[in-house]
Amino acid sequence: MTVTVKVLIPAKQAENAQTTQYTATNVKAIIDKFTVTNTSANNVTFSCNLVTVTGSAAASNLIIDARTIVPDETYTCPELVGQALDVGGFISTLAGTATSLTIRASGREIS
């Protein structure tokens, strides 16, 4: 078994459409840190799903549901820290407004 520390999602602006941000391709993954920073002047909601290989983003895998991120806030997403993804599982996010939230995640991949 090999464990690799990795940036799972490099810093980027979250989209205002449900978007796959990371897929555990041929590995299992553990999320160690996930941050969301509101770079806009308005409140913006953020949602995150952890989805299995055969699934799609839905209420059944919604981990963060429309959490309001206030201007200049960095939210550290304690709901995601320590969560595991099996092979083929993925992280999907949704921002209430495009180009307002910067997201970044790091963790470990296990192969």
C-alpha atoms as a PDB file:
ATOM      1  CA  MET A   1       0.000   0.000   0.000  1.00  0.00           C
ATOM      2  CA  THR A   2       1.307   3.430  -0.979  1.00  0.00           C
ATOM      3  CA  VAL A   3       0.062   6.658   0.614  1.00  0.00           C
ATOM      4  CA  THR A   4       0.669   9.898  -1.270  1.00  0.00           C
ATOM      5  CA  VAL A   5      -0.042  13.342   0.179  1.00  0.00           C
ATOM      6  CA  LYS A   6      -1.611  15.383  -2.603  1.00  0.00           C
ATOM      7  CA  VAL A   7      -3.477  18.547  -3.505  1.00  0.00           C
ATOM      8  CA  LEU A   8      -6.826  17.061  -4.488  1.00  0.00           C
ATOM      9  CA  ILE A   9      -8.293  20.323  -5.789  1.00  0.00           C
ATOM     10  CA  PRO A  10      -5.806  23.093  -6.644  1.00  0.00           C
ATOM     11  CA  ALA A  11      -7.091  26.555  -5.674  1.00  0.00           C
ATOM     12  CA  LYS A  12      -9.778  27.624  -8.133  1.00  0.00           C
ATOM     13  CA  GLN A  13     -13.053  29.494  -8.374  1.00  0.00           C
ATOM     14  CA  ALA A  14     -16.073  27.258  -7.798  1.00  0.00           C
ATOM     15  CA  GLU A  15     -18.672  27.125 -10.562  1.00  0.00           C
ATOM     16  CA  ASN A  16     -22.356  28.003 -10.139  1.00  0.00           C
ATOM     17  CA  ALA A  17     -23.330  24.666 -11.705  1.00  0.00           C
ATOM     18  CA  GLN A  18     -22.865  21.261 -10.080  1.00  0.00           C
ATOM     19  CA  THR A  19     -19.259  20.397 -11.027  1.00  0.00           C
ATOM     20  CA  THR A  20     -16.989  17.429 -10.363  1.00  0.00           C
ATOM     21  CA  GLN A  21     -13.822  18.845  -8.783  1.00  0.00           C
ATOM     22  CA  TYR A  22     -11.866  15.654  -7.993  1.00  0.00           C
ATOM     23  CA  THR A  23     -12.198  11.951  -8.789  1.00  0.00           C
ATOM     24  CA  ALA A  24     -10.356   9.196  -6.924  1.00  0.00           C
ATOM     25  CA  THR A  25      -9.160   7.501 -10.112  1.00  0.00           C
ATOM     26  CA  ASN A  26      -7.630   4.057  -9.381  1.00  0.00           C
ATOM     27  CA  VAL A  27      -6.996   5.073  -5.738  1.00  0.00           C
ATOM     28  CA  LYS A  28      -8.855   5.633  -2.494  1.00  0.00           C
ATOM     29  CA  ALA A  29      -8.623   9.143  -1.051  1.00  0.00           C
ATOM     30  CA  ILE A  30      -8.995  10.858   2.313  1.00  0.00           C
ATOM     31  CA  ILE A  31      -9.745  14.574   2.585  1.00  0.00           C
ATOM     32  CA  ASP A  32      -7.471  16.254   5.134  1.00  0.00           C
ATOM     33  CA  LYS A  33      -8.282  19.926   4.471  1.00  0.00           C
ATOM     34  CA  PHE A  34     -10.938  21.702   2.402  1.00  0.00           C
ATOM     35  CA  THR A  35     -11.296  25.483   2.394  1.00  0.00           C
ATOM     36  CA  VAL A  36     -13.807  27.823   0.805  1.00  0.00           C
ATOM     37  CA  THR A  37     -13.009  31.551   0.693  1.00  0.00           C
ATOM     38  CA  ASN A  38     -15.523  34.174  -0.349  1.00  0.00           C
ATOM     39  CA  THR A  39     -13.663  36.747  -2.440  1.00  0.00           C
ATOM     40  CA  SER A  40     -16.776  38.739  -3.313  1.00  0.00           C
ATOM     41  CA  ALA A  41     -18.632  41.538  -1.534  1.00  0.00           C
ATOM     42  CA  ASN A  42     -21.810  39.457  -1.109  1.00  0.00           C
ATOM     43  CA  ASN A  43     -22.952  36.404   0.812  1.00  0.00           C
ATOM     44  CA  VAL A  44     -22.604  33.286  -1.369  1.00  0.00           C
ATOM     45  CA  THR A  45     -23.882  29.763  -0.705  1.00  0.00           C
ATOM     46  CA  PHE A  46     -21.728  26.649  -1.056  1.00  0.00           C
ATOM     47  CA  SER A  47     -22.771  23.007  -1.364  1.00  0.00           C
ATOM     48  CA  CYS A  48     -20.648  19.869  -1.587  1.00  0.00           C
ATOM     49  CA  ASN A  49     -21.481  16.250  -2.426  1.00  0.00           C
ATOM     50  CA  LEU A  50     -19.302  13.159  -1.896  1.00  0.00           C
ATOM     51  CA  VAL A  51     -20.466  10.728  -4.556  1.00  0.00           C
ATOM     52  CA  THR A  52     -19.806   7.013  -5.115  1.00  0.00           C
ATOM     53  CA  VAL A  53     -18.469   5.697  -8.417  1.00  0.00           C
ATOM     54  CA  THR A  54     -21.893   4.784  -9.803  1.00  0.00           C
ATOM     55  CA  GLY A  55     -23.756   7.755  -8.364  1.00  0.00           C
ATOM     56  CA  SER A  56     -24.496  11.343  -9.175  1.00  0.00           C
ATOM     57  CA  ALA A  57     -24.757  14.431  -6.998  1.00  0.00           C
ATOM     58  CA  ALA A  58     -28.045  14.192  -5.096  1.00  0.00           C
ATOM     59  CA  ALA A  59     -29.627  14.787  -1.698  1.00  0.00           C
ATOM     60  CA  SER A  60     -28.474  11.324  -0.581  1.00  0.00           C
ATOM     61  CA  ASN A  61     -24.770  12.304  -0.774  1.00  0.00           C
ATOM     62  CA  LEU A  62     -25.012  16.012   0.090  1.00  0.00           C
ATOM     63  CA  ILE A  63     -22.525  16.785   2.878  1.00  0.00           C
ATOM     64  CA  ILE A  64     -22.680  20.605   2.921  1.00  0.00           C
ATOM     65  CA  ASP A  65     -26.064  22.047   1.966  1.00  0.00           C
ATOM     66  CA  ALA A  66     -26.127  25.679   0.804  1.00  0.00           C
ATOM     67  CA  ARG A  67     -23.939  26.977   3.611  1.00  0.00           C
ATOM     68  CA  THR A  68     -23.684  30.767   3.452  1.00  0.00           C
ATOM     69  CA  ILE A  69     -20.107  32.051   3.202  1.00  0.00           C
ATOM     70  CA  VAL A  70     -19.923  35.738   4.117  1.00  0.00           C
ATOM     71  CA  PRO A  71     -17.585  38.210   2.357  1.00  0.00           C
ATOM     72  CA  ASP A  72     -13.901  37.649   3.237  1.00  0.00           C
ATOM     73  CA  GLU A  73     -14.724  34.475   5.217  1.00  0.00           C
ATOM     74  CA  THR A  74     -12.615  31.336   4.862  1.00  0.00           C
ATOM     75  CA  TYR A  75     -14.660  28.294   5.851  1.00  0.00           C
ATOM     76  CA  THR A  76     -12.638  25.166   6.691  1.00  0.00           C
ATOM     77  CA  CYS A  77     -15.407  22.614   6.030  1.00  0.00           C
ATOM     78  CA  PRO A  78     -15.119  20.391   9.126  1.00  0.00           C
ATOM     79  CA  GLU A  79     -17.859  18.188   7.602  1.00  0.00           C
ATOM     80  CA  LEU A  80     -15.402  17.080   4.895  1.00  0.00           C
ATOM     81  CA  VAL A  81     -12.230  16.579   6.944  1.00  0.00           C
ATOM     82  CA  GLY A  82     -11.528  12.871   7.402  1.00  0.00           C
ATOM     83  CA  GLN A  83     -14.083  11.791   4.813  1.00  0.00           C
ATOM     84  CA  ALA A  84     -12.943   8.970   2.518  1.00  0.00           C
ATOM     85  CA  LEU A  85     -13.621   8.324  -1.146  1.00  0.00           C
ATOM     86  CA  ASP A  86     -13.490   4.801  -2.559  1.00  0.00           C
ATOM     87  CA  VAL A  87     -12.034   4.132  -6.004  1.00  0.00           C
ATOM     88  CA  GLY A  88     -14.045   6.141  -8.536  1.00  0.00           C
ATOM     89  CA  GLY A  89     -15.741   8.298  -5.913  1.00  0.00           C
ATOM     90  CA  PHE A  90     -15.734  12.031  -6.466  1.00  0.00           C
ATOM     91  CA  ILE A  91     -16.164  15.487  -4.938  1.00  0.00           C
ATOM     92  CA  SER A  92     -18.799  17.677  -6.568  1.00  0.00           C
ATOM     93  CA  THR A  93     -19.476  21.295  -5.608  1.00  0.00           C
ATOM     94  CA  LEU A  94     -21.965  24.047  -6.310  1.00  0.00           C
ATOM     95  CA  ALA A  95     -21.480  27.769  -5.625  1.00  0.00           C
ATOM     96  CA  GLY A  96     -24.449  30.120  -5.427  1.00  0.00           C
ATOM     97  CA  THR A  97     -22.590  32.619  -7.624  1.00  0.00           C
ATOM     98  CA  ALA A  98     -19.803  31.992 -10.130  1.00  0.00           C
ATOM     99  CA  THR A  99     -16.315  33.442  -9.562  1.00  0.00           C
ATOM    100  CA  SER A 100     -17.056  34.327  -5.923  1.00  0.00           C
ATOM    101  CA  LEU A 101     -15.735  31.356  -3.949  1.00  0.00           C
ATOM    102  CA  THR A 102     -12.183  30.033  -4.057  1.00  0.00           C
ATOM    103  CA  ILE A 103     -11.950  26.357  -3.121  1.00  0.00           C
ATOM    104  CA  ARG A 104      -8.936  24.156  -2.360  1.00  0.00           C
ATOM    105  CA  ALA A 105      -8.603  20.642  -0.971  1.00  0.00           C
ATOM    106  CA  SER A 106      -5.690  18.476   0.059  1.00  0.00           C
ATOM    107  CA  GLY A 107      -5.499  14.956   1.318  1.00  0.00           C
ATOM    108  CA  ARG A 108      -4.046  11.504   0.821  1.00  0.00           C
ATOM    109  CA  GLU A 109      -4.373   9.014  -2.002  1.00  0.00           C
ATOM    110  CA  ILE A 110      -3.976   5.336  -1.129  1.00  0.00           C
ATOM    111  CA  SER A 111      -3.093   2.801  -3.803  1.00  0.00           C
END
